Amino acid sequence: MAKGIRERLLEQAIKFHQWQEATYPGKTSEELSGEWEVDYPYWNDTYSAFCHVLTQMDAETADSVLLDEMVYLIARDNEAEGFIQETTSHPQWFECLCRRATASNESEAKWQFAAYLPECPCSQEVKDMILDFAKDPNEYVSRRALLAMPALRPDCVEQFAPLFWERNCYSLELQEYQRIAVLVSLDAIHSDLLPQYLEQAKQDGRRYLLEHAERIEGGLL
């Protein structure tokens, strides 16, 4: 029975791979941008097969091939986020797939696991993986991890704040988003460091960063 459930999902994954190659020949998922996945015509069938695995199979019986394809499908569903939302309701699967995602190159899956970690009743070991996501070289993965960190590891937010604020390995636009995440996460834990970062945001002066600083400061008054 479990074999048939597994094979059904793998067949759906193969169909998506084939569609991707036919539609965007020679392009890897990392090379594509925008909402290209939403045009896939068989999402409903894929979602049904995915949910069937979650409800009818034990996560401990999943092999590496199945796990990799599930991470791949979660990544491709990054606009709707339906797959990750459903996975959050199955803690054993969430933990298993979260570990697999951290070892993968699927940034579109990593940020979803980082963002949804606070929603899943996972073990502390898995919750602590938010720290690994925060160190991920992908800007969006790290940013979503910092925004989720107050709910999981509030004790670590302040140590990550200087890293996010000062690093200049991204474009100016993305660096601004990194700094916004610092303000939001420090505000979430009511950090004593927040006033100095609000002042630095004013000195920075970029529009969206300044807007967030003013909004947060208004809430403190």
Protein backbone atom coordinates (compact mmCIF):
# COMPACT_ATOMS: atom_id res chain seq x y z
CA MET A 1 0.00 0.00 0.00
CA ALA A 2 2.70 2.50 1.04
CA LYS A 3 4.65 1.73 -2.12
CA GLY A 4 1.69 2.71 -4.28
CA ILE A 5 1.25 5.95 -2.34
CA ARG A 6 4.94 6.74 -2.75
CA GLU A 7 4.94 5.93 -6.46
CA ARG A 8 1.90 8.08 -7.09
CA LEU A 9 3.66 11.14 -5.73
CA LEU A 10 6.90 10.36 -7.53
CA GLU A 11 4.97 10.13 -10.79
CA GLN A 12 3.56 13.59 -10.14
CA ALA A 13 7.03 14.92 -9.39
CA ILE A 14 8.35 13.45 -12.64
CA LYS A 15 5.50 15.12 -14.53
CA PHE A 16 6.50 18.46 -13.06
CA HIS A 17 10.17 17.93 -13.92
CA GLN A 18 9.19 17.07 -17.48
CA TRP A 19 6.93 20.11 -17.77
CA GLN A 20 9.68 22.35 -16.40
CA GLU A 21 12.20 21.03 -18.91
CA ALA A 22 9.77 21.32 -21.81
CA THR A 23 8.64 24.81 -20.86
CA TYR A 24 12.03 26.21 -19.81
CA PRO A 25 14.58 23.99 -21.59
CA GLY A 26 18.05 24.01 -20.11
CA LYS A 27 17.03 26.18 -17.16
CA THR A 28 17.36 25.01 -13.58
CA SER A 29 14.92 26.12 -10.89
CA GLU A 30 17.60 28.40 -9.45
CA GLU A 31 18.01 30.15 -12.81
CA LEU A 32 14.30 30.88 -13.19
CA SER A 33 12.64 33.80 -11.44
CA GLY A 34 9.19 35.19 -10.97
CA GLU A 35 6.05 33.14 -10.59
CA TRP A 36 6.85 30.63 -13.30
CA GLU A 37 5.53 27.61 -11.41
CA VAL A 38 1.95 28.89 -11.24
CA ASP A 39 1.40 27.98 -14.90
CA TYR A 40 1.77 24.26 -14.18
CA PRO A 41 -1.59 22.67 -15.14
CA TYR A 42 -1.61 19.68 -12.76
CA TRP A 43 -1.17 21.24 -9.34
CA ASN A 44 -4.39 19.72 -7.96
CA ASP A 45 -3.26 16.18 -8.79
CA THR A 46 0.15 16.83 -7.30
CA TYR A 47 -1.29 18.32 -4.12
CA SER A 48 -3.63 15.36 -3.69
CA ALA A 49 -0.77 12.88 -4.03
CA PHE A 50 1.39 14.92 -1.65
CA CYS A 51 -1.31 15.02 1.03
CA HIS A 52 -1.90 11.30 0.60
CA VAL A 53 1.74 10.64 1.48
CA LEU A 54 1.48 12.84 4.58
CA THR A 55 -1.62 11.07 5.86
CA GLN A 56 -1.01 7.49 4.75
CA MET A 57 2.75 7.01 5.19
CA ASP A 58 5.02 7.15 8.21
CA ALA A 59 7.75 9.76 7.78
CA GLU A 60 10.31 7.32 9.18
CA THR A 61 9.73 5.00 6.22
CA ALA A 62 10.50 7.68 3.60
CA ASP A 63 13.63 7.15 1.51
CA SER A 64 15.94 9.88 0.23
CA VAL A 65 14.37 9.93 -3.25
CA LEU A 66 10.90 10.60 -1.87
CA LEU A 67 12.14 13.22 0.57
CA ASP A 68 14.08 15.08 -2.12
CA GLU A 69 11.07 15.20 -4.41
CA MET A 70 8.82 16.39 -1.60
CA VAL A 71 11.24 19.21 -0.81
CA TYR A 72 11.35 20.00 -4.54
CA LEU A 73 7.54 20.20 -4.74
CA ILE A 74 7.33 22.39 -1.62
CA ALA A 75 9.85 24.70 -3.26
CA ARG A 76 7.88 24.87 -6.50
CA ASP A 77 4.70 25.72 -4.58
CA ASN A 78 6.33 28.81 -3.08
CA GLU A 79 3.59 31.17 -4.27
CA ALA A 80 0.55 29.35 -2.84
CA GLU A 81 2.43 27.77 0.12
CA GLY A 82 -0.24 25.06 0.28
CA PHE A 83 2.22 22.18 0.52
CA ILE A 84 4.16 23.66 3.44
CA GLN A 85 0.94 24.60 5.23
CA GLU A 86 -0.31 21.04 4.97
CA THR A 87 3.08 19.69 6.09
CA THR A 88 2.93 21.89 9.20
CA SER A 89 -0.05 19.81 10.36
CA HIS A 90 2.14 16.69 10.35
CA PRO A 91 5.05 17.34 12.75
CA GLN A 92 6.98 14.14 12.00
CA TRP A 93 6.93 14.88 8.28
CA PHE A 94 7.73 18.52 8.89
CA GLU A 95 10.79 17.63 10.96
CA CYS A 96 12.01 15.07 8.45
CA LEU A 97 11.54 17.39 5.46
CA CYS A 98 12.96 20.39 7.29
CA ARG A 99 16.19 18.51 7.90
CA ARG A 100 16.27 17.47 4.26
CA ALA A 101 15.64 21.02 3.08
CA THR A 102 18.54 22.47 5.06
CA ALA A 103 20.91 20.09 3.25
CA SER A 104 19.47 20.96 -0.16
CA ASN A 105 19.97 23.80 -2.63
CA GLU A 106 16.25 24.59 -2.66
CA SER A 107 16.12 28.13 -1.29
CA GLU A 108 12.42 28.37 -2.12
CA ALA A 109 11.82 25.47 0.26
CA LYS A 110 14.22 26.71 2.94
CA TRP A 111 12.52 30.05 3.46
CA GLN A 112 9.14 28.34 3.79
CA PHE A 113 10.43 25.98 6.46
CA ALA A 114 12.02 28.91 8.28
CA ALA A 115 8.80 30.91 8.11
CA TYR A 116 6.55 28.04 9.22
CA LEU A 117 8.75 26.64 11.99
CA PRO A 118 6.88 28.66 14.63
CA GLU A 119 3.59 27.12 13.44
CA CYS A 120 4.65 23.49 13.91
CA PRO A 121 4.94 21.71 17.28
CA CYS A 122 8.42 20.41 16.50
CA SER A 123 11.18 19.19 18.75
CA GLN A 124 13.56 21.81 20.12
CA GLU A 125 16.29 20.33 17.97
CA VAL A 126 14.35 21.19 14.82
CA LYS A 127 13.28 24.58 16.14
CA ASP A 128 16.95 25.38 16.66
CA MET A 129 17.46 24.93 12.93
CA ILE A 130 16.15 28.49 12.61
CA LEU A 131 19.72 29.48 13.46
CA ASP A 132 21.03 27.54 10.46
CA PHE A 133 18.47 29.19 8.20
CA ALA A 134 19.54 32.59 9.52
CA LYS A 135 23.10 31.84 8.38
CA ASP A 136 22.00 30.73 4.92
CA PRO A 137 23.72 32.66 2.10
CA ASN A 138 20.39 33.25 0.36
CA GLU A 139 19.15 36.67 1.41
CA TYR A 140 15.47 35.82 1.59
CA VAL A 141 16.03 32.59 3.50
CA SER A 142 18.11 34.38 6.12
CA ARG A 143 15.64 37.26 6.37
CA ARG A 144 12.60 35.03 6.89
CA ALA A 145 14.60 33.13 9.51
CA LEU A 146 15.41 36.28 11.46
CA LEU A 147 11.76 37.33 11.36
CA ALA A 148 10.75 33.92 12.77
CA MET A 149 13.52 33.82 15.37
CA PRO A 150 11.70 35.80 18.12
CA ALA A 151 9.10 33.03 18.35
CA LEU A 152 11.68 30.24 18.46
CA ARG A 153 14.98 31.54 19.85
CA PRO A 154 14.42 35.04 21.24
CA ASP A 155 17.69 34.71 23.12
CA CYS A 156 19.61 34.71 19.81
CA VAL A 157 18.03 37.68 18.05
CA GLU A 158 20.43 40.26 19.46
CA GLN A 159 23.52 38.31 18.43
CA PHE A 160 22.28 38.16 14.82
CA ALA A 161 21.32 41.83 14.64
CA PRO A 162 24.82 43.20 13.94
CA LEU A 163 25.46 40.56 11.27
CA PHE A 164 22.29 41.44 9.38
CA TRP A 165 22.77 45.17 9.83
CA GLU A 166 26.37 45.42 8.71
CA ARG A 167 26.88 42.83 5.98
CA ASN A 168 27.14 44.30 2.53
CA CYS A 169 27.12 41.17 0.38
CA TYR A 170 23.72 42.02 -1.11
CA SER A 171 22.38 44.82 -3.25
CA LEU A 172 21.44 48.08 -1.51
CA GLU A 173 17.76 47.18 -1.84
CA LEU A 174 18.22 43.78 -0.19
CA GLN A 175 20.46 45.25 2.48
CA GLU A 176 17.61 47.62 3.33
CA TYR A 177 15.28 44.63 3.75
CA GLN A 178 17.85 42.95 6.00
CA ARG A 179 17.93 46.01 8.24
CA ILE A 180 14.14 46.19 8.35
CA ALA A 181 14.14 42.59 9.59
CA VAL A 182 16.54 43.61 12.37
CA LEU A 183 14.18 46.34 13.56
CA VAL A 184 11.12 44.09 13.42
CA SER A 185 12.79 41.21 15.26
CA LEU A 186 14.30 43.44 17.96
CA ASP A 187 10.92 45.08 18.45
CA ALA A 188 9.29 41.65 18.79
CA ILE A 189 11.50 40.74 21.76
CA HIS A 190 11.38 44.27 23.27
CA SER A 191 15.16 44.45 23.06
CA ASP A 192 17.13 47.12 24.87
CA LEU A 193 19.17 47.43 21.67
CA LEU A 194 16.18 48.65 19.68
CA PRO A 195 16.62 52.41 20.38
CA GLN A 196 20.17 52.44 19.00
CA TYR A 197 19.11 50.59 15.86
CA LEU A 198 16.20 52.97 15.39
CA GLU A 199 18.68 55.82 15.53
CA GLN A 200 20.94 54.09 13.01
CA ALA A 201 17.91 53.61 10.74
CA LYS A 202 17.29 57.36 10.81
CA GLN A 203 20.91 57.96 9.92
CA ASP A 204 20.62 55.44 7.09
CA GLY A 205 17.63 57.36 5.76
CA ARG A 206 16.39 54.90 3.16
CA ARG A 207 12.65 55.21 2.61
CA TYR A 208 11.25 51.85 3.68
CA LEU A 209 13.70 51.42 6.54
CA LEU A 210 12.79 54.88 7.79
CA GLU A 211 9.08 54.13 7.52
CA HIS A 212 9.47 51.00 9.64
CA ALA A 213 11.60 52.84 12.19
CA GLU A 214 9.00 55.61 12.53
CA ARG A 215 6.18 53.08 12.83
CA ILE A 216 8.00 51.11 15.53
CA GLU A 217 9.05 54.26 17.37
CA GLY A 218 5.45 55.47 17.30
CA GLY A 219 4.36 52.26 18.96
CA LEU A 220 6.91 52.74 21.73
CA LEU A 221 5.68 56.20 22.65
